[in-house]
């Protein structure tokens, strides 16, 4: 009994030390981010419009950073080791087609500016927090989780609406010109779709939550980066797996959401869960390609024939 008490005391002391250490790290991190945010805030003179514009610039810039990294693989095969992780390895893409996708994406970014200016006025009615002090880490995490769930709802239903025959033919079919997607086609769409299904589900979350503009900008950056990755056609270690959305581009009739929650509830993932794609749909921590870990005999035969 005495031994247990001693060990219980030791364990409790160890837990307290770990908790105190994490609290110190948390406090130091908060101090670091607040200090740097203060520099940005003061540089913008605390102007809501300038801060809001910077917030919207984050996803503009992140789209091109992530897309250009994958573009180097698609266009030039560099770095070569990434090619082994291609989800549809028998599908090739030409440089002219890549450049066309880049032009459409850039056009959509430019054409969305008037909408974003109007949206900024809505943010002033249901104000985001443009203050010099950042929210607590707990509040930021709550907002980010809420934004993820709001995006799942917004994207699933607007995306499924776009698959209605009347809208698909005139609007969404453009996005589905790519049955083997690349990162750039995250914004390869009809301008109406870009606003309805690409922008709205992402930017409405911070408005509903009344988030701090820095948290909103972080969310916008995460949102567009993830979208580019799941459109990339490459399943790389530690990154979000692209199989769910890649399967949607291949078959059209499954996987309308982002997380898969509403696809499960509505039964719009049945073909996907019966496929090899579903077996590969997991975050990996190995440099071994998922096609090697979960081989598809028919696909491998197609690859051999194409060589």
Protein backbone atom coordinates (compact mmCIF):
# COMPACT_ATOMS: atom_id res chain seq x y z
CA UNK A 1 0.00 0.00 0.00
CA UNK A 2 2.84 2.29 0.86
CA UNK A 3 4.50 1.41 -2.47
CA UNK A 4 1.33 2.36 -4.34
CA UNK A 5 1.06 5.66 -2.49
CA UNK A 6 4.65 6.49 -3.30
CA UNK A 7 4.15 5.66 -6.96
CA UNK A 8 0.84 7.49 -7.02
CA UNK A 9 2.52 10.56 -5.60
CA UNK A 10 5.38 10.27 -8.09
CA UNK A 11 2.96 9.85 -10.98
CA UNK A 12 0.91 12.83 -9.85
CA UNK A 13 4.05 14.93 -9.55
CA UNK A 14 5.19 13.92 -13.04
CA UNK A 15 1.80 14.81 -14.52
CA UNK A 16 1.88 18.19 -12.79
CA UNK A 17 5.36 18.87 -14.17
CA UNK A 18 4.29 17.97 -17.70
CA UNK A 19 1.17 20.14 -17.37
CA UNK A 20 3.24 23.07 -16.08
CA UNK A 21 5.70 22.64 -18.95
CA UNK A 22 2.91 22.59 -21.56
CA UNK A 23 1.41 25.68 -19.95
CA UNK A 24 4.77 27.46 -20.24
CA UNK A 25 5.10 26.44 -23.90
CA UNK A 26 1.53 27.56 -24.55
CA UNK A 27 2.17 30.94 -22.88
CA UNK A 28 5.46 31.47 -24.73
CA UNK A 29 3.83 30.57 -28.05
CA UNK A 30 0.99 32.99 -27.37
CA UNK A 31 3.48 35.72 -26.56
CA UNK A 32 5.39 35.05 -29.81
CA UNK A 33 2.28 35.18 -32.03
CA UNK A 34 0.84 38.22 -30.24
CA UNK A 35 4.09 40.11 -30.64
CA UNK A 36 4.29 39.39 -34.39
CA UNK A 37 0.60 40.06 -34.92
CA UNK A 38 1.08 43.41 -33.17
CA UNK A 39 3.72 44.33 -35.76
CA UNK A 40 1.32 43.49 -38.62
CA UNK A 41 -1.59 45.27 -36.91
CA UNK A 42 0.42 48.43 -36.31
CA UNK A 43 1.81 48.32 -39.86
CA UNK A 44 -1.79 48.39 -41.12
CA UNK A 45 -2.65 51.17 -38.61
CA UNK A 46 -5.37 48.86 -37.27
CA UNK A 47 -7.45 49.52 -40.39
CA UNK A 48 -10.19 46.88 -40.76
CA UNK A 49 -10.23 47.06 -44.55
CA UNK A 50 -6.48 46.61 -44.91
CA UNK A 51 -6.42 43.77 -42.38
CA UNK A 52 -9.37 42.10 -44.10
CA UNK A 53 -7.64 42.45 -47.48
CA UNK A 54 -4.51 40.82 -46.07
CA UNK A 55 -6.69 38.02 -44.72
CA UNK A 56 -8.07 37.33 -48.20
CA UNK A 57 -4.59 37.58 -49.76
CA UNK A 58 -3.45 34.58 -47.72
CA UNK A 59 -5.46 31.99 -49.71
CA UNK A 60 -4.56 33.75 -53.00
CA UNK A 61 -0.87 33.32 -52.25
CA UNK A 62 -1.13 29.85 -50.68
CA UNK A 63 -2.97 28.55 -53.75
CA UNK A 64 -0.03 29.41 -56.01
CA UNK A 65 2.64 28.22 -53.58
CA UNK A 66 1.07 24.76 -53.21
CA UNK A 67 0.00 24.49 -56.86
CA UNK A 68 3.42 25.50 -58.23
CA UNK A 69 5.09 22.84 -56.09
CA UNK A 70 2.87 20.16 -57.59
CA UNK A 71 3.10 21.77 -61.04
CA UNK A 72 6.85 21.13 -61.07
CA UNK A 73 6.11 17.43 -60.67
CA UNK A 74 3.36 17.33 -63.30
CA UNK A 75 5.26 19.38 -65.88
CA UNK A 76 8.88 18.43 -65.29
CA UNK A 77 8.82 15.28 -63.14
CA UNK A 78 10.73 17.03 -60.36
CA UNK A 79 11.32 15.78 -57.75
CA UNK A 80 11.16 12.33 -59.36
CA UNK A 81 10.37 10.41 -56.14
CA UNK A 82 6.96 12.13 -55.92
CA UNK A 83 5.87 10.49 -59.20
CA UNK A 84 5.80 7.12 -57.42
CA UNK A 85 2.95 8.46 -55.28
CA UNK A 86 0.63 9.38 -58.16
CA UNK A 87 -2.91 8.11 -57.55
CA UNK A 88 -3.61 7.52 -61.26
CA UNK A 89 -0.09 6.78 -62.54
CA UNK A 90 -1.21 5.91 -66.07
CA UNK A 91 -2.68 9.42 -66.56
CA UNK A 92 -0.34 12.03 -68.05
CA UNK A 93 -0.84 15.78 -68.31
CA UNK A 94 0.62 18.12 -70.93
CA UNK A 95 2.19 21.51 -70.26
CA UNK A 96 -0.36 23.37 -72.47
CA UNK A 97 -3.18 21.85 -70.44
CA UNK A 98 -1.45 22.84 -67.19
CA UNK A 99 -1.06 26.42 -68.41
CA UNK A 100 -4.73 26.52 -69.45
CA UNK A 101 -5.73 25.37 -65.94
CA UNK A 102 -3.50 28.09 -64.45
CA UNK A 103 -5.17 30.78 -66.59
CA UNK A 104 -8.66 29.66 -65.55
CA UNK A 105 -7.66 29.58 -61.87
CA UNK A 106 -6.13 33.05 -62.04
CA UNK A 107 -9.22 34.40 -63.82
CA UNK A 108 -11.42 32.98 -61.08
CA UNK A 109 -9.27 34.61 -58.42
CA UNK A 110 -9.56 37.99 -60.13
CA UNK A 111 -13.30 37.65 -60.79
CA UNK A 112 -13.94 36.85 -57.13
CA UNK A 113 -12.56 40.20 -55.92
CA UNK A 114 -15.87 42.14 -56.24
CA UNK A 115 -17.64 39.39 -54.28
CA UNK A 116 -14.98 39.51 -51.57
CA UNK A 117 -15.32 43.29 -51.30
CA UNK A 118 -19.06 42.89 -50.73
CA UNK A 119 -18.36 40.10 -48.25
CA UNK A 120 -16.05 42.39 -46.30
CA UNK A 121 -18.98 44.73 -45.74
CA UNK A 122 -20.98 41.81 -44.32
CA UNK A 123 -18.09 41.09 -41.98
CA UNK A 124 -18.46 44.63 -40.65
CA UNK A 125 -22.17 44.02 -39.95
CA UNK A 126 -21.40 40.81 -38.08
CA UNK A 127 -17.93 41.95 -37.19
CA UNK A 128 -14.86 39.82 -37.15
CA UNK A 129 -12.39 40.71 -34.43
CA UNK A 130 -9.75 43.04 -35.91
CA UNK A 131 -8.13 43.74 -32.54
CA UNK A 132 -4.45 43.96 -31.73
CA UNK A 133 -4.69 41.10 -29.22
CA UNK A 134 -5.07 37.58 -30.56
CA UNK A 135 -7.68 35.22 -29.09
CA UNK A 136 -6.62 32.44 -26.78
CA UNK A 137 -5.37 29.24 -28.37
CA UNK A 138 -8.47 27.45 -27.07
CA UNK A 139 -10.78 29.94 -28.80
CA UNK A 140 -8.78 29.73 -32.02
CA UNK A 141 -9.04 25.91 -32.03
CA UNK A 142 -12.80 26.04 -31.39
CA UNK A 143 -13.22 28.43 -34.32
CA UNK A 144 -11.11 26.27 -36.63
CA UNK A 145 -13.04 23.10 -35.76
CA UNK A 146 -16.32 24.95 -36.31
CA UNK A 147 -15.09 26.23 -39.68
CA UNK A 148 -14.20 22.69 -40.77
CA UNK A 149 -17.69 21.43 -39.92
CA UNK A 150 -19.39 24.45 -41.53
CA UNK A 151 -17.36 23.88 -44.70
CA UNK A 152 -18.41 20.22 -44.77
CA UNK A 153 -22.07 21.27 -44.68
CA UNK A 154 -21.72 24.15 -47.13
CA UNK A 155 -19.56 22.30 -49.65
CA UNK A 156 -21.53 19.04 -49.58
CA UNK A 157 -24.90 20.60 -50.36
CA UNK A 158 -23.70 23.22 -52.86
CA UNK A 159 -21.54 20.60 -54.59
CA UNK A 160 -24.39 18.11 -54.75
CA UNK A 161 -26.66 20.86 -56.08
CA UNK A 162 -24.16 21.48 -58.88
CA UNK A 163 -24.56 17.84 -59.91
CA UNK A 164 -28.22 18.45 -60.73
CA UNK A 165 -28.51 17.88 -64.51
CA UNK A 166 -29.51 21.48 -65.22
CA UNK A 167 -26.56 22.93 -63.32
CA UNK A 168 -24.05 20.22 -64.15
CA UNK A 169 -24.31 20.68 -67.91
CA UNK A 170 -23.88 24.45 -67.88
CA UNK A 171 -21.68 25.00 -64.80
CA UNK A 172 -20.06 22.07 -62.98
CA UNK A 173 -19.10 20.06 -66.07
CA UNK A 174 -16.14 22.40 -66.56
CA UNK A 175 -14.55 21.24 -63.30
CA UNK A 176 -15.09 17.62 -64.31
CA UNK A 177 -13.17 18.01 -67.55
CA UNK A 178 -10.39 16.59 -65.39
CA UNK A 179 -11.01 12.93 -64.50
CA UNK A 180 -7.45 12.78 -63.15
CA UNK A 181 -7.17 16.07 -61.23
CA UNK A 182 -4.07 18.17 -60.58
CA UNK A 183 -3.56 20.74 -57.86
CA UNK A 184 -4.35 23.74 -60.08
CA UNK A 185 -7.90 22.59 -60.77
CA UNK A 186 -8.88 23.36 -57.18
CA UNK A 187 -9.97 26.66 -58.78
CA UNK A 188 -10.65 25.35 -62.29
CA UNK A 189 -14.37 25.97 -62.51
CA UNK A 190 -17.17 28.17 -63.79
CA UNK A 191 -17.04 31.59 -62.01
CA UNK A 192 -20.47 30.97 -60.46
CA UNK A 193 -19.29 27.66 -59.03
CA UNK A 194 -16.14 29.30 -57.73
CA UNK A 195 -18.20 31.68 -55.60
CA UNK A 196 -20.99 29.27 -54.61
CA UNK A 197 -19.01 26.14 -53.82
CA UNK A 198 -15.34 27.12 -53.53
CA UNK A 199 -15.51 30.44 -51.68
CA UNK A 200 -18.76 30.55 -49.74
CA UNK A 201 -18.40 27.33 -47.66
CA UNK A 202 -14.92 28.44 -46.55
CA UNK A 203 -15.47 32.12 -45.76
CA UNK A 204 -18.85 31.76 -44.03
CA UNK A 205 -17.36 29.95 -41.01
CA UNK A 206 -15.39 32.87 -39.56
CA UNK A 207 -18.38 35.16 -40.12
CA UNK A 208 -20.70 32.85 -38.16
CA UNK A 209 -18.15 32.43 -35.38
CA UNK A 210 -17.14 36.11 -35.24
CA UNK A 211 -13.53 34.96 -35.46
CA UNK A 212 -10.43 37.07 -35.14
CA UNK A 213 -9.14 38.10 -38.59
CA UNK A 214 -5.83 36.32 -37.94
CA UNK A 215 -7.70 33.06 -37.22
CA UNK A 216 -9.85 33.65 -40.30
CA UNK A 217 -6.74 34.15 -42.45
CA UNK A 218 -5.20 30.98 -40.98
CA UNK A 219 -8.38 29.07 -41.82
CA UNK A 220 -8.49 30.44 -45.37
CA UNK A 221 -4.89 29.32 -45.86
CA UNK A 222 -5.57 25.85 -44.45
CA UNK A 223 -8.72 25.53 -46.54
CA UNK A 224 -7.16 26.35 -49.91
CA UNK A 225 -3.97 24.38 -49.19
CA UNK A 226 -5.97 21.27 -48.31
CA UNK A 227 -8.14 21.69 -51.42
CA UNK A 228 -5.01 21.90 -53.60
CA UNK A 229 -3.54 18.80 -51.97
CA UNK A 230 -6.66 16.65 -52.39
CA UNK A 231 -6.82 17.72 -56.05
CA UNK A 232 -3.11 17.10 -56.60
CA UNK A 233 -3.39 13.46 -57.62
CA UNK A 234 -0.49 12.55 -55.31
CA UNK A 235 -0.75 10.64 -52.03
CA UNK A 236 2.26 11.86 -50.06
CA UNK A 237 3.30 10.98 -46.50
CA UNK A 238 1.79 13.12 -43.72
CA UNK A 239 -0.50 15.00 -46.13
CA UNK A 240 -4.29 14.67 -46.46
CA UNK A 241 -5.06 11.67 -48.69
CA UNK A 242 -6.54 12.59 -52.09
CA UNK A 243 -8.34 9.33 -52.87
CA UNK A 244 -11.82 10.41 -51.78
CA UNK A 245 -12.01 13.42 -54.09
CA UNK A 246 -9.94 11.74 -56.79
CA UNK A 247 -12.56 8.99 -56.87
CA UNK A 248 -15.26 11.65 -57.27
CA UNK A 249 -13.51 12.98 -60.39
CA UNK A 250 -13.16 9.47 -61.72
CA UNK A 251 -16.76 8.30 -61.12
CA UNK A 252 -18.69 11.61 -60.66
CA UNK A 253 -21.49 10.17 -58.48
CA UNK A 254 -19.83 9.60 -55.08
CA UNK A 255 -18.05 11.72 -52.48
CA UNK A 256 -19.58 15.19 -52.59
CA UNK A 257 -18.23 16.38 -49.23
CA UNK A 258 -14.89 17.29 -47.67
CA UNK A 259 -14.72 15.08 -44.59
CA UNK A 260 -16.98 12.26 -45.73
CA UNK A 261 -19.41 12.72 -42.81
CA UNK A 262 -22.39 13.78 -44.92
CA UNK A 263 -21.48 11.31 -47.64
CA UNK A 264 -21.77 8.58 -45.01
CA UNK A 265 -25.07 9.92 -43.63
CA UNK A 266 -26.59 10.32 -47.12
CA UNK A 267 -25.15 7.09 -48.48
CA UNK A 268 -23.26 8.86 -51.26
CA UNK A 269 -20.03 6.97 -50.62
CA UNK A 270 -21.14 3.38 -51.25
CA UNK A 271 -19.16 2.82 -54.44
CA UNK A 272 -16.13 4.47 -52.84
CA UNK A 273 -16.06 2.24 -49.75
CA UNK A 274 -16.21 -0.84 -51.97
CA UNK A 275 -13.22 0.29 -54.01
CA UNK A 276 -9.46 0.00 -53.66
CA UNK A 277 -9.43 3.77 -53.32
CA UNK A 278 -11.07 3.45 -49.91
CA UNK A 279 -8.34 1.10 -48.68
CA UNK A 280 -5.74 3.70 -49.62
CA UNK A 281 -7.68 6.59 -48.10
CA UNK A 282 -5.54 7.12 -44.99
CA UNK A 283 -2.71 9.38 -43.86
CA UNK A 284 0.55 7.52 -44.39
CA UNK A 285 3.85 7.84 -42.58
CA UNK A 286 5.92 5.81 -45.01
CA UNK A 287 7.69 6.63 -48.27
CA UNK A 288 6.28 3.41 -49.68
CA UNK A 289 3.60 4.37 -52.25
CA UNK A 290 0.05 3.40 -51.27
CA UNK A 291 -0.30 1.65 -54.64
CA UNK A 292 2.42 -0.71 -53.47
CA UNK A 293 0.86 -1.18 -50.03
CA UNK A 294 -2.65 -1.68 -51.46
CA UNK A 295 -2.14 -2.91 -55.05
CA UNK A 296 -4.84 -2.90 -57.69
CA UNK A 297 -4.24 -5.75 -60.14
CA UNK A 298 -6.34 -4.21 -62.93
CA UNK A 299 -4.66 -0.83 -62.58
CA UNK A 300 -1.18 -2.37 -62.50
CA UNK A 301 -2.00 -4.25 -65.70
CA UNK A 302 -3.10 -0.98 -67.35
CA UNK A 303 0.18 0.65 -66.27
CA UNK A 304 2.21 -2.18 -67.79
CA UNK A 305 0.34 -1.87 -71.08
CA UNK A 306 0.87 1.89 -71.21
CA UNK A 307 4.65 1.55 -70.88
